[in-house]
Amino acid sequence: MRGENVPLLEVEELVKYFPIKYGLFGKTIGYVRAVDGVSFSIKENSVFSLVGESGSGKSTIAKCVLKLLEPTSGRIVFEGKDITSLRGKSLKWYRRSVQAVFQNPFLSLNPRMKVESIVAEPLKIHLGMKSDEAKEEVYKLLELVGLSREIGSKYPHELSGGQAQRVAIARAIASKPRLLVLDEPTSALDASVQAQILNLLMDLKKELRLSYLLISHDLSVVRYMSDYVAVIYLGKIIEYGSVEELFNYPAHPYTKALLSSVPEPDPATRKLKNRIVLPGEPPSPVDPPKGCRLSPRCPYVQEKCKSSEPELISIGKDHLVRCWLFQ
């Protein structure tokens, strides 16, 4: 049994640059700095969320963790093993232990396979089950995610969005993983269905003792599900904290702007809430600002913000921020 304080997953100084090719011979003329020195860890039976705008690097981090992309540099450690260079049987062990649920289930489910075959596939590949044994396990998994066994005979196009996402979840948990990467798992669903899927994921976390890496731009979802949250901007973590710390005491100007955009259902509270709008658009990750990456848009910018990048420092229990206002 692993020590209580040993992280399940550790990401250390992760960097992912995409080369920009030009000309007949594909000469590299620059790089898209999608992820630029990101570090975090995920504890067992916990939910860690990455939040930020589109293009901030969230999904690239997820793909590196899933080994769908090779990092430019840095390490990813799972259960104490560096998985960055895994191959063969060791890689198969990792793929069994870390599964994913993506935004659009219809793009991740094979349209030519019935649900029963889709869910049975990881049982056969990762757990070595025979067809009869796998069939019974499929029915148990469908029941676990709130679907009847009759769903097993249907094709993905015959399912509703919520049903299809439940099938995707059933497939993801079939190999008995330790960690699920949830990449915008509810953003393609209707609001009423979103709540059902979120509740299902939280129930499964408790029942199966799962850990989640949640990628989302929906701060309401993040607040409901998370234990810890990292805010990412232009490939760098600019604030990290427990969900209570970060939502109740945001420190970074970018985090404050993000949280101010969350819809407030109570009209009385809505009047008291100040909406913070940062001017302009995020700079290009091809040529990010030299100093703090928010400096071209920040209302509190100082001269040193434009020339020197601040460190990620502690400002409280389970609360880190990368901002010159706190250095």
C-alpha atoms as a PDB file:
ATOM      1  CA  MET A   1       0.000   0.000   0.000  1.00  0.00           C
ATOM      2  CA  ARG A   2       1.304   3.461  -0.926  1.00  0.00           C
ATOM      3  CA  GLY A   3       2.107   6.054   1.721  1.00  0.00           C
ATOM      4  CA  GLU A   4      -0.668   8.509   2.473  1.00  0.00           C
ATOM      5  CA  ASN A   5       1.448  11.526   1.476  1.00  0.00           C
ATOM      6  CA  VAL A   6       2.934  10.010  -1.693  1.00  0.00           C
ATOM      7  CA  PRO A   7       1.266  11.548  -4.770  1.00  0.00           C
ATOM      8  CA  LEU A   8      -0.366   9.248  -7.280  1.00  0.00           C
ATOM      9  CA  LEU A   9       0.817  11.439 -10.169  1.00  0.00           C
ATOM     10  CA  GLU A  10       3.620  14.021 -10.264  1.00  0.00           C
ATOM     11  CA  VAL A  11       4.254  16.351 -13.186  1.00  0.00           C
ATOM     12  CA  GLU A  12       7.672  18.013 -12.959  1.00  0.00           C
ATOM     13  CA  GLU A  13       8.703  21.005 -15.106  1.00  0.00           C
ATOM     14  CA  LEU A  14       6.667  19.784 -18.068  1.00  0.00           C
ATOM     15  CA  VAL A  15       7.476  21.523 -21.354  1.00  0.00           C
ATOM     16  CA  LYS A  16       5.784  20.952 -24.696  1.00  0.00           C
ATOM     17  CA  TYR A  17       6.798  23.039 -27.704  1.00  0.00           C
ATOM     18  CA  PHE A  18       5.364  22.472 -31.170  1.00  0.00           C
ATOM     19  CA  PRO A  19       7.767  23.327 -34.014  1.00  0.00           C
ATOM     20  CA  ILE A  20       6.595  25.714 -36.728  1.00  0.00           C
ATOM     21  CA  LYS A  21       7.722  24.376 -40.106  1.00  0.00           C
ATOM     22  CA  TYR A  22       8.232  26.428 -43.243  1.00  0.00           C
ATOM     23  CA  GLY A  23       9.210  25.792 -46.828  1.00  0.00           C
ATOM     24  CA  LEU A  24       9.682  22.734 -49.012  1.00  0.00           C
ATOM     25  CA  PHE A  25      12.111  21.059 -46.617  1.00  0.00           C
ATOM     26  CA  GLY A  26      10.129  21.844 -43.474  1.00  0.00           C
ATOM     27  CA  LYS A  27      12.694  24.089 -41.822  1.00  0.00           C
ATOM     28  CA  THR A  28      11.837  24.934 -38.208  1.00  0.00           C
ATOM     29  CA  ILE A  29      11.413  28.701 -37.918  1.00  0.00           C
ATOM     30  CA  GLY A  30       9.974  28.877 -34.413  1.00  0.00           C
ATOM     31  CA  TYR A  31       7.981  27.110 -31.722  1.00  0.00           C
ATOM     32  CA  VAL A  32       4.521  27.282 -30.204  1.00  0.00           C
ATOM     33  CA  ARG A  33       5.203  27.212 -26.454  1.00  0.00           C
ATOM     34  CA  ALA A  34       2.036  25.374 -25.481  1.00  0.00           C
ATOM     35  CA  VAL A  35       3.266  24.246 -22.045  1.00  0.00           C
ATOM     36  CA  ASP A  36       6.254  25.960 -20.448  1.00  0.00           C
ATOM     37  CA  GLY A  37       7.495  24.479 -17.178  1.00  0.00           C
ATOM     38  CA  VAL A  38       4.362  23.193 -15.449  1.00  0.00           C
ATOM     39  CA  SER A  39       4.587  21.235 -12.178  1.00  0.00           C
ATOM     40  CA  PHE A  40       1.830  19.772 -10.009  1.00  0.00           C
ATOM     41  CA  SER A  41       0.876  16.577  -8.188  1.00  0.00           C
ATOM     42  CA  ILE A  42      -2.344  14.645  -7.669  1.00  0.00           C
ATOM     43  CA  LYS A  43      -3.078  12.805  -4.437  1.00  0.00           C
ATOM     44  CA  GLU A  44      -4.896   9.507  -4.288  1.00  0.00           C
ATOM     45  CA  ASN A  45      -8.711   9.723  -4.280  1.00  0.00           C
ATOM     46  CA  SER A  46      -8.685  13.444  -5.071  1.00  0.00           C
ATOM     47  CA  VAL A  47      -9.697  15.787  -7.902  1.00  0.00           C
ATOM     48  CA  PHE A  48      -7.121  18.178  -9.350  1.00  0.00           C
ATOM     49  CA  SER A  49      -8.340  20.731 -11.890  1.00  0.00           C
ATOM     50  CA  LEU A  50      -6.581  22.794 -14.534  1.00  0.00           C
ATOM     51  CA  VAL A  51      -8.531  25.888 -15.569  1.00  0.00           C
ATOM     52  CA  GLY A  52      -7.891  28.602 -18.114  1.00  0.00           C
ATOM     53  CA  GLU A  53      -8.965  30.021 -21.452  1.00  0.00           C
ATOM     54  CA  SER A  54      -8.846  28.095 -24.721  1.00  0.00           C
ATOM     55  CA  GLY A  55      -5.252  27.820 -25.898  1.00  0.00           C
ATOM     56  CA  SER A  56      -3.792  28.091 -22.387  1.00  0.00           C
ATOM     57  CA  GLY A  57      -2.225  24.615 -22.565  1.00  0.00           C
ATOM     58  CA  LYS A  58      -4.691  22.608 -20.458  1.00  0.00           C
ATOM     59  CA  SER A  59      -5.496  19.930 -23.033  1.00  0.00           C
ATOM     60  CA  THR A  60      -1.848  19.659 -24.106  1.00  0.00           C
ATOM     61  CA  ILE A  61      -0.943  18.794 -20.510  1.00  0.00           C
ATOM     62  CA  ALA A  62      -3.716  16.186 -20.463  1.00  0.00           C
ATOM     63  CA  LYS A  63      -2.426  14.619 -23.696  1.00  0.00           C
ATOM     64  CA  CYS A  64       1.095  14.444 -22.279  1.00  0.00           C
ATOM     65  CA  VAL A  65      -0.212  12.729 -19.130  1.00  0.00           C
ATOM     66  CA  LEU A  66      -2.117  10.262 -21.343  1.00  0.00           C
ATOM     67  CA  LYS A  67       1.020   9.725 -23.467  1.00  0.00           C
ATOM     68  CA  LEU A  68      -0.802  10.886 -26.564  1.00  0.00           C
ATOM     69  CA  LEU A  69       1.956  13.506 -26.898  1.00  0.00           C
ATOM     70  CA  GLU A  70       5.646  13.227 -26.024  1.00  0.00           C
ATOM     71  CA  PRO A  71       6.863  16.107 -23.815  1.00  0.00           C
ATOM     72  CA  THR A  72       9.701  18.300 -25.055  1.00  0.00           C
ATOM     73  CA  SER A  73      11.205  18.026 -21.575  1.00  0.00           C
ATOM     74  CA  GLY A  74      10.211  17.382 -17.972  1.00  0.00           C
ATOM     75  CA  ARG A  75       9.039  14.285 -16.136  1.00  0.00           C
ATOM     76  CA  ILE A  76       5.717  12.599 -15.446  1.00  0.00           C
ATOM     77  CA  VAL A  77       5.838  10.179 -12.513  1.00  0.00           C
ATOM     78  CA  PHE A  78       2.986   7.755 -11.791  1.00  0.00           C
ATOM     79  CA  GLU A  79       3.007   5.540  -8.693  1.00  0.00           C
ATOM     80  CA  GLY A  80       6.689   6.389  -8.283  1.00  0.00           C
ATOM     81  CA  LYS A  81       7.665   5.383 -11.839  1.00  0.00           C
ATOM     82  CA  ASP A  82       8.852   7.817 -14.503  1.00  0.00           C
ATOM     83  CA  ILE A  83       6.489   7.095 -17.396  1.00  0.00           C
ATOM     84  CA  THR A  84       8.055   9.550 -19.842  1.00  0.00           C
ATOM     85  CA  SER A  85      10.044   6.843 -21.647  1.00  0.00           C
ATOM     86  CA  LEU A  86       7.787   3.823 -21.047  1.00  0.00           C
ATOM     87  CA  ARG A  87       7.530   1.273 -23.840  1.00  0.00           C
ATOM     88  CA  GLY A  88       6.082  -2.230 -24.360  1.00  0.00           C
ATOM     89  CA  LYS A  89       4.533  -4.022 -21.362  1.00  0.00           C
ATOM     90  CA  SER A  90       5.263  -1.139 -19.008  1.00  0.00           C
ATOM     91  CA  LEU A  91       3.360   1.222 -21.287  1.00  0.00           C
ATOM     92  CA  LYS A  92       0.429  -1.213 -21.381  1.00  0.00           C
ATOM     93  CA  TRP A  93       0.355  -1.166 -17.555  1.00  0.00           C
ATOM     94  CA  TYR A  94       0.230   2.628 -17.608  1.00  0.00           C
ATOM     95  CA  ARG A  95      -2.537   2.777 -20.212  1.00  0.00           C
ATOM     96  CA  ARG A  96      -4.578   0.387 -18.087  1.00  0.00           C
ATOM     97  CA  SER A  97      -4.024   2.524 -14.984  1.00  0.00           C
ATOM     98  CA  VAL A  98      -4.758   5.922 -16.565  1.00  0.00           C
ATOM     99  CA  GLN A  99      -7.873   6.317 -18.707  1.00  0.00           C
ATOM    100  CA  ALA A 100      -9.713   9.288 -20.201  1.00  0.00           C
ATOM    101  CA  VAL A 101     -13.194  10.703 -20.746  1.00  0.00           C
ATOM    102  CA  PHE A 102     -13.327  13.321 -23.504  1.00  0.00           C
ATOM    103  CA  GLN A 103     -15.627  16.222 -24.301  1.00  0.00           C
ATOM    104  CA  ASN A 104     -17.603  14.690 -27.181  1.00  0.00           C
ATOM    105  CA  PRO A 105     -18.441  11.008 -26.603  1.00  0.00           C
ATOM    106  CA  PHE A 106     -19.596  10.546 -30.198  1.00  0.00           C
ATOM    107  CA  LEU A 107     -16.074  11.317 -31.416  1.00  0.00           C
ATOM    108  CA  SER A 108     -14.463   8.882 -28.970  1.00  0.00           C
ATOM    109  CA  LEU A 109     -16.848   5.919 -29.474  1.00  0.00           C
ATOM    110  CA  ASN A 110     -16.398   3.699 -32.537  1.00  0.00           C
ATOM    111  CA  PRO A 111     -19.582   4.224 -34.623  1.00  0.00           C
ATOM    112  CA  ARG A 112     -19.250   0.732 -36.159  1.00  0.00           C
ATOM    113  CA  MET A 113     -19.250  -1.084 -32.825  1.00  0.00           C
ATOM    114  CA  LYS A 114     -22.171  -1.829 -30.533  1.00  0.00           C
ATOM    115  CA  VAL A 115     -21.983  -0.515 -26.979  1.00  0.00           C
ATOM    116  CA  GLU A 116     -21.395  -4.023 -25.640  1.00  0.00           C
ATOM    117  CA  SER A 117     -18.275  -4.417 -27.801  1.00  0.00           C
ATOM    118  CA  ILE A 118     -17.019  -0.912 -26.991  1.00  0.00           C
ATOM    119  CA  VAL A 119     -17.107  -1.520 -23.232  1.00  0.00           C
ATOM    120  CA  ALA A 120     -15.803  -5.099 -23.581  1.00  0.00           C
ATOM    121  CA  GLU A 121     -12.711  -4.053 -25.538  1.00  0.00           C
ATOM    122  CA  PRO A 122     -10.609  -2.840 -22.555  1.00  0.00           C
ATOM    123  CA  LEU A 123     -11.738  -5.866 -20.533  1.00  0.00           C
ATOM    124  CA  LYS A 124     -10.236  -8.158 -23.155  1.00  0.00           C
ATOM    125  CA  ILE A 125      -7.130  -6.093 -23.910  1.00  0.00           C
ATOM    126  CA  HIS A 126      -6.116  -5.036 -20.394  1.00  0.00           C
ATOM    127  CA  LEU A 127      -7.669  -7.690 -18.140  1.00  0.00           C
ATOM    128  CA  GLY A 128      -7.471 -10.683 -20.509  1.00  0.00           C
ATOM    129  CA  MET A 129     -11.143 -11.635 -20.166  1.00  0.00           C
ATOM    130  CA  LYS A 130     -12.802 -14.108 -22.524  1.00  0.00           C
ATOM    131  CA  SER A 131     -15.962 -13.080 -24.388  1.00  0.00           C
ATOM    132  CA  ASP A 132     -18.498 -14.677 -22.002  1.00  0.00           C
ATOM    133  CA  GLU A 133     -16.819 -13.296 -18.889  1.00  0.00           C
ATOM    134  CA  ALA A 134     -16.458  -9.873 -20.498  1.00  0.00           C
ATOM    135  CA  LYS A 135     -20.145  -9.825 -21.468  1.00  0.00           C
ATOM    136  CA  GLU A 136     -21.256 -10.251 -17.860  1.00  0.00           C
ATOM    137  CA  GLU A 137     -18.810  -7.592 -16.717  1.00  0.00           C
ATOM    138  CA  VAL A 138     -20.135  -5.203 -19.386  1.00  0.00           C
ATOM    139  CA  TYR A 139     -23.640  -5.522 -17.939  1.00  0.00           C
ATOM    140  CA  LYS A 140     -22.291  -4.733 -14.452  1.00  0.00           C
ATOM    141  CA  LEU A 141     -20.448  -1.686 -15.774  1.00  0.00           C
ATOM    142  CA  LEU A 142     -23.512  -0.413 -17.637  1.00  0.00           C
ATOM    143  CA  GLU A 143     -25.556  -0.752 -14.452  1.00  0.00           C
ATOM    144  CA  LEU A 144     -22.830   1.045 -12.495  1.00  0.00           C
ATOM    145  CA  VAL A 145     -23.092   4.087 -14.794  1.00  0.00           C
ATOM    146  CA  GLY A 146     -26.903   4.075 -14.750  1.00  0.00           C
ATOM    147  CA  LEU A 147     -27.679   2.300 -18.039  1.00  0.00           C
ATOM    148  CA  SER A 148     -29.805  -0.760 -18.724  1.00  0.00           C
ATOM    149  CA  ARG A 149     -28.293  -3.854 -20.348  1.00  0.00           C
ATOM    150  CA  GLU A 150     -30.501  -3.231 -23.395  1.00  0.00           C
ATOM    151  CA  ILE A 151     -28.188  -0.318 -24.229  1.00  0.00           C
ATOM    152  CA  GLY A 152     -25.490  -2.897 -24.973  1.00  0.00           C
ATOM    153  CA  SER A 153     -27.123  -3.863 -28.270  1.00  0.00           C
ATOM    154  CA  LYS A 154     -27.254  -0.268 -29.578  1.00  0.00           C
ATOM    155  CA  TYR A 155     -24.796   1.697 -31.709  1.00  0.00           C
ATOM    156  CA  PRO A 156     -23.477   5.098 -30.536  1.00  0.00           C
ATOM    157  CA  HIS A 157     -25.642   7.054 -32.999  1.00  0.00           C
ATOM    158  CA  GLU A 158     -28.750   5.541 -31.373  1.00  0.00           C
ATOM    159  CA  LEU A 159     -27.872   7.066 -27.987  1.00  0.00           C
ATOM    160  CA  SER A 160     -28.556  10.471 -26.463  1.00  0.00           C
ATOM    161  CA  GLY A 161     -25.583  12.644 -25.503  1.00  0.00           C
ATOM    162  CA  GLY A 162     -25.912  11.707 -21.844  1.00  0.00           C
ATOM    163  CA  GLN A 163     -26.167   7.987 -22.608  1.00  0.00           C
ATOM    164  CA  ALA A 164     -23.120   8.152 -24.879  1.00  0.00           C
ATOM    165  CA  GLN A 165     -21.061   9.880 -22.184  1.00  0.00           C
ATOM    166  CA  ARG A 166     -22.118   7.217 -19.664  1.00  0.00           C
ATOM    167  CA  VAL A 167     -20.893   4.566 -22.115  1.00  0.00           C
ATOM    168  CA  ALA A 168     -17.587   6.441 -22.432  1.00  0.00           C
ATOM    169  CA  ILE A 169     -17.294   6.472 -18.631  1.00  0.00           C
ATOM    170  CA  ALA A 170     -18.105   2.740 -18.443  1.00  0.00           C
ATOM    171  CA  ARG A 171     -15.354   2.037 -20.972  1.00  0.00           C
ATOM    172  CA  ALA A 172     -12.908   4.245 -19.044  1.00  0.00           C
ATOM    173  CA  ILE A 173     -13.445   2.454 -15.715  1.00  0.00           C
ATOM    174  CA  ALA A 174     -13.539  -1.048 -17.264  1.00  0.00           C
ATOM    175  CA  SER A 175      -9.778  -1.598 -16.916  1.00  0.00           C
ATOM    176  CA  LYS A 176      -9.920  -0.671 -13.202  1.00  0.00           C
ATOM    177  CA  PRO A 177      -7.776   2.490 -13.536  1.00  0.00           C
ATOM    178  CA  ARG A 178      -6.381   4.586 -10.689  1.00  0.00           C
ATOM    179  CA  LEU A 179      -6.621   7.927 -12.500  1.00  0.00           C
ATOM    180  CA  LEU A 180      -9.136   9.345 -14.967  1.00  0.00           C
ATOM    181  CA  VAL A 181      -8.307  12.348 -17.129  1.00  0.00           C
ATOM    182  CA  LEU A 182     -11.564  14.260 -17.651  1.00  0.00           C
ATOM    183  CA  ASP A 183     -11.188  16.679 -20.571  1.00  0.00           C
ATOM    184  CA  GLU A 184     -14.272  18.947 -20.529  1.00  0.00           C
ATOM    185  CA  PRO A 185     -16.474  15.892 -19.752  1.00  0.00           C
ATOM    186  CA  THR A 186     -19.797  17.766 -19.652  1.00  0.00           C
ATOM    187  CA  SER A 187     -19.378  20.827 -21.887  1.00  0.00           C
ATOM    188  CA  ALA A 188     -21.053  19.165 -24.906  1.00  0.00           C
ATOM    189  CA  LEU A 189     -24.142  18.164 -22.877  1.00  0.00           C
ATOM    190  CA  ASP A 190     -27.400  19.903 -21.949  1.00  0.00           C
ATOM    191  CA  ALA A 191     -27.437  21.589 -18.541  1.00  0.00           C
ATOM    192  CA  SER A 192     -29.773  19.018 -16.948  1.00  0.00           C
ATOM    193  CA  VAL A 193     -27.650  16.132 -18.226  1.00  0.00           C
ATOM    194  CA  GLN A 194     -24.445  17.846 -17.083  1.00  0.00           C
ATOM    195  CA  ALA A 195     -25.561  17.673 -13.453  1.00  0.00           C
ATOM    196  CA  GLN A 196     -26.362  13.957 -13.757  1.00  0.00           C
ATOM    197  CA  ILE A 197     -22.947  13.160 -15.260  1.00  0.00           C
ATOM    198  CA  LEU A 198     -21.126  15.214 -12.618  1.00  0.00           C
ATOM    199  CA  ASN A 199     -22.979  13.415  -9.829  1.00  0.00           C
ATOM    200  CA  LEU A 200     -22.176  10.070 -11.460  1.00  0.00           C
ATOM    201  CA  LEU A 201     -18.469  10.930 -11.643  1.00  0.00           C
ATOM    202  CA  MET A 202     -18.394  11.943  -7.973  1.00  0.00           C
ATOM    203  CA  ASP A 203     -20.222   8.746  -6.959  1.00  0.00           C
ATOM    204  CA  LEU A 204     -17.749   6.625  -8.950  1.00  0.00           C
ATOM    205  CA  LYS A 205     -14.801   8.462  -7.405  1.00  0.00           C
ATOM    206  CA  LYS A 206     -16.032   7.523  -3.949  1.00  0.00           C
ATOM    207  CA  GLU A 207     -17.058   3.948  -4.799  1.00  0.00           C
ATOM    208  CA  LEU A 208     -13.980   3.023  -6.866  1.00  0.00           C
ATOM    209  CA  ARG A 209     -11.475   5.288  -5.041  1.00  0.00           C
ATOM    210  CA  LEU A 210     -10.544   7.071  -8.254  1.00  0.00           C
ATOM    211  CA  SER A 211      -8.478  10.204  -8.729  1.00  0.00           C
ATOM    212  CA  TYR A 212      -9.351  12.746 -11.412  1.00  0.00           C
ATOM    213  CA  LEU A 213      -7.378  15.231 -13.475  1.00  0.00           C
ATOM    214  CA  LEU A 214     -10.130  17.601 -14.591  1.00  0.00           C
ATOM    215  CA  ILE A 215      -9.591  19.924 -17.548  1.00  0.00           C
ATOM    216  CA  SER A 216     -12.281  22.594 -17.716  1.00  0.00           C
ATOM    217  CA  HIS A 217     -13.095  26.220 -18.453  1.00  0.00           C
ATOM    218  CA  ASP A 218     -16.377  25.911 -16.510  1.00  0.00           C
ATOM    219  CA  LEU A 219     -15.590  27.254 -13.060  1.00  0.00           C
ATOM    220  CA  SER A 220     -18.910  26.085 -11.609  1.00  0.00           C
ATOM    221  CA  VAL A 221     -17.980  22.493 -12.494  1.00  0.00           C
ATOM    222  CA  VAL A 222     -14.476  22.991 -11.127  1.00  0.00           C
ATOM    223  CA  ARG A 223     -15.768  24.341  -7.815  1.00  0.00           C
ATOM    224  CA  TYR A 224     -18.221  21.456  -7.419  1.00  0.00           C
ATOM    225  CA  MET A 225     -15.751  18.659  -8.162  1.00  0.00           C
ATOM    226  CA  SER A 226     -12.272  19.797  -7.151  1.00  0.00           C
ATOM    227  CA  ASP A 227     -10.021  19.447  -4.145  1.00  0.00           C
ATOM    228  CA  TYR A 228      -7.189  21.457  -5.699  1.00  0.00           C
ATOM    229  CA  VAL A 229      -7.106  23.879  -8.635  1.00  0.00           C
ATOM    230  CA  ALA A 230      -4.334  25.307 -10.809  1.00  0.00           C
ATOM    231  CA  VAL A 231      -5.009  28.319 -13.028  1.00  0.00           C
ATOM    232  CA  ILE A 232      -2.986  28.237 -16.234  1.00  0.00           C
ATOM    233  CA  TYR A 233      -2.263  31.146 -18.573  1.00  0.00           C
ATOM    234  CA  LEU A 234      -0.167  30.938 -21.742  1.00  0.00           C
ATOM    235  CA  GLY A 235       1.366  27.611 -20.734  1.00  0.00           C
ATOM    236  CA  LYS A 236       2.273  28.513 -17.137  1.00  0.00           C
ATOM    237  CA  ILE A 237       0.560  27.963 -13.805  1.00  0.00           C
ATOM    238  CA  ILE A 238      -0.067  31.423 -12.367  1.00  0.00           C
ATOM    239  CA  GLU A 239      -2.031  30.387  -9.254  1.00  0.00           C
ATOM    240  CA  TYR A 240      -2.575  27.159  -7.345  1.00  0.00           C
ATOM    241  CA  GLY A 241      -4.582  26.354  -4.251  1.00  0.00           C
ATOM    242  CA  SER A 242      -7.184  24.289  -2.508  1.00  0.00           C
ATOM    243  CA  VAL A 243     -10.592  24.910  -4.032  1.00  0.00           C
ATOM    244  CA  GLU A 244     -11.684  26.823  -0.909  1.00  0.00           C
ATOM    245  CA  GLU A 245      -8.596  29.066  -0.914  1.00  0.00           C
ATOM    246  CA  LEU A 246      -8.655  29.810  -4.614  1.00  0.00           C
ATOM    247  CA  PHE A 247     -12.362  30.573  -4.932  1.00  0.00           C
ATOM    248  CA  ASN A 248     -12.685  32.501  -1.668  1.00  0.00           C
ATOM    249  CA  TYR A 249      -9.339  34.341  -1.722  1.00  0.00           C
ATOM    250  CA  PRO A 250      -8.124  34.640  -5.337  1.00  0.00           C
ATOM    251  CA  ALA A 251      -4.820  36.514  -5.535  1.00  0.00           C
ATOM    252  CA  HIS A 252      -3.651  36.769  -9.138  1.00  0.00           C
ATOM    253  CA  PRO A 253      -5.346  39.463 -11.292  1.00  0.00           C
ATOM    254  CA  TYR A 254      -6.066  36.862 -13.974  1.00  0.00           C
ATOM    255  CA  THR A 255      -7.729  34.509 -11.470  1.00  0.00           C
ATOM    256  CA  LYS A 256      -9.865  37.368 -10.160  1.00  0.00           C
ATOM    257  CA  ALA A 257     -10.966  38.182 -13.707  1.00  0.00           C
ATOM    258  CA  LEU A 258     -11.822  34.533 -14.381  1.00  0.00           C
ATOM    259  CA  LEU A 259     -13.880  34.184 -11.208  1.00  0.00           C
ATOM    260  CA  SER A 260     -15.711  37.442 -11.843  1.00  0.00           C
ATOM    261  CA  SER A 261     -17.057  35.949 -15.079  1.00  0.00           C
ATOM    262  CA  VAL A 262     -18.905  33.118 -13.298  1.00  0.00           C
ATOM    263  CA  PRO A 263     -22.690  33.716 -13.582  1.00  0.00           C
ATOM    264  CA  GLU A 264     -24.312  34.619 -10.263  1.00  0.00           C
ATOM    265  CA  PRO A 265     -27.868  33.208  -9.933  1.00  0.00           C
ATOM    266  CA  ASP A 266     -28.834  35.400  -6.960  1.00  0.00           C
ATOM    267  CA  PRO A 267     -29.870  38.895  -8.248  1.00  0.00           C
ATOM    268  CA  ALA A 268     -28.973  40.523  -4.931  1.00  0.00           C
ATOM    269  CA  THR A 269     -25.449  39.085  -4.983  1.00  0.00           C
ATOM    270  CA  ARG A 270     -25.118  39.791  -8.707  1.00  0.00           C
ATOM    271  CA  LYS A 271     -25.457  43.550  -8.083  1.00  0.00           C
ATOM    272  CA  LEU A 272     -22.583  43.455  -5.595  1.00  0.00           C
ATOM    273  CA  LYS A 273     -20.297  41.528  -7.911  1.00  0.00           C
ATOM    274  CA  ASN A 274     -17.737  43.522  -9.888  1.00  0.00           C
ATOM    275  CA  ARG A 275     -17.074  42.127 -13.348  1.00  0.00           C
ATOM    276  CA  ILE A 276     -13.372  42.383 -14.183  1.00  0.00           C
ATOM    277  CA  VAL A 277     -12.607  42.533 -17.898  1.00  0.00           C
ATOM    278  CA  LEU A 278      -8.957  42.379 -18.932  1.00  0.00           C
ATOM    279  CA  PRO A 279      -8.211  44.445 -22.054  1.00  0.00           C
ATOM    280  CA  GLY A 280      -7.017  42.847 -25.273  1.00  0.00           C
ATOM    281  CA  GLU A 281      -6.408  39.209 -26.131  1.00  0.00           C
ATOM    282  CA  PRO A 282      -3.836  36.736 -24.768  1.00  0.00           C
ATOM    283  CA  PRO A 283      -0.471  37.158 -26.551  1.00  0.00           C
ATOM    284  CA  SER A 284       0.662  34.490 -28.996  1.00  0.00           C
ATOM    285  CA  PRO A 285       2.359  31.425 -27.439  1.00  0.00           C
ATOM    286  CA  VAL A 286       4.835  31.678 -30.330  1.00  0.00           C
ATOM    287  CA  ASP A 287       6.262  34.879 -28.834  1.00  0.00           C
ATOM    288  CA  PRO A 288       5.072  35.247 -25.217  1.00  0.00           C
ATOM    289  CA  PRO A 289       5.940  38.373 -23.197  1.00  0.00           C
ATOM    290  CA  LYS A 290       9.430  38.429 -21.696  1.00  0.00           C
ATOM    291  CA  GLY A 291       8.341  39.038 -18.107  1.00  0.00           C
ATOM    292  CA  CYS A 292       4.978  38.159 -16.569  1.00  0.00           C
ATOM    293  CA  ARG A 293       2.797  36.741 -19.300  1.00  0.00           C
ATOM    294  CA  LEU A 294      -0.185  38.800 -18.192  1.00  0.00           C
ATOM    295  CA  SER A 295       1.761  42.090 -18.227  1.00  0.00           C
ATOM    296  CA  PRO A 296       0.289  43.427 -21.528  1.00  0.00           C
ATOM    297  CA  ARG A 297      -3.240  43.070 -20.091  1.00  0.00           C
ATOM    298  CA  CYS A 298      -2.805  43.496 -16.328  1.00  0.00           C
ATOM    299  CA  PRO A 299      -4.376  46.550 -14.614  1.00  0.00           C
ATOM    300  CA  TYR A 300      -1.634  46.474 -11.922  1.00  0.00           C
ATOM    301  CA  VAL A 301       1.372  46.184 -14.252  1.00  0.00           C
ATOM    302  CA  GLN A 302       4.728  47.590 -13.052  1.00  0.00           C
ATOM    303  CA  GLU A 303       7.979  48.037 -14.986  1.00  0.00           C
ATOM    304  CA  LYS A 304       9.560  44.868 -13.574  1.00  0.00           C
ATOM    305  CA  CYS A 305       6.474  42.881 -14.671  1.00  0.00           C
ATOM    306  CA  LYS A 306       7.477  43.598 -18.278  1.00  0.00           C
ATOM    307  CA  SER A 307      11.083  42.452 -17.934  1.00  0.00           C
ATOM    308  CA  SER A 308      11.261  39.741 -15.252  1.00  0.00           C
ATOM    309  CA  GLU A 309       9.077  36.719 -14.645  1.00  0.00           C
ATOM    310  CA  PRO A 310       7.937  36.251 -11.024  1.00  0.00           C
ATOM    311  CA  GLU A 311       8.372  32.932  -9.219  1.00  0.00           C
ATOM    312  CA  LEU A 312       5.479  30.796  -8.002  1.00  0.00           C
ATOM    313  CA  ILE A 313       5.553  31.531  -4.255  1.00  0.00           C
ATOM    314  CA  SER A 314       3.499  30.511  -1.230  1.00  0.00           C
ATOM    315  CA  ILE A 315       1.098  33.107   0.182  1.00  0.00           C
ATOM    316  CA  GLY A 316      -0.768  30.799   2.561  1.00  0.00           C
ATOM    317  CA  LYS A 317      -1.595  27.203   3.329  1.00  0.00           C
ATOM    318  CA  ASP A 318      -2.052  25.330   0.037  1.00  0.00           C
ATOM    319  CA  HIS A 319      -1.940  28.610  -1.900  1.00  0.00           C
ATOM    320  CA  LEU A 320       0.721  29.636  -4.444  1.00  0.00           C
ATOM    321  CA  VAL A 321       0.760  32.606  -6.812  1.00  0.00           C
ATOM    322  CA  ARG A 322       3.050  33.867  -9.606  1.00  0.00           C
ATOM    323  CA  CYS A 323       2.750  37.661  -9.351  1.00  0.00           C
ATOM    324  CA  TRP A 324       5.104  40.548  -8.509  1.00  0.00           C
ATOM    325  CA  LEU A 325       2.440  42.037  -6.209  1.00  0.00           C
ATOM    326  CA  PHE A 326       3.249  39.254  -3.714  1.00  0.00           C
ATOM    327  CA  GLN A 327       7.027  38.879  -4.180  1.00  0.00           C
END
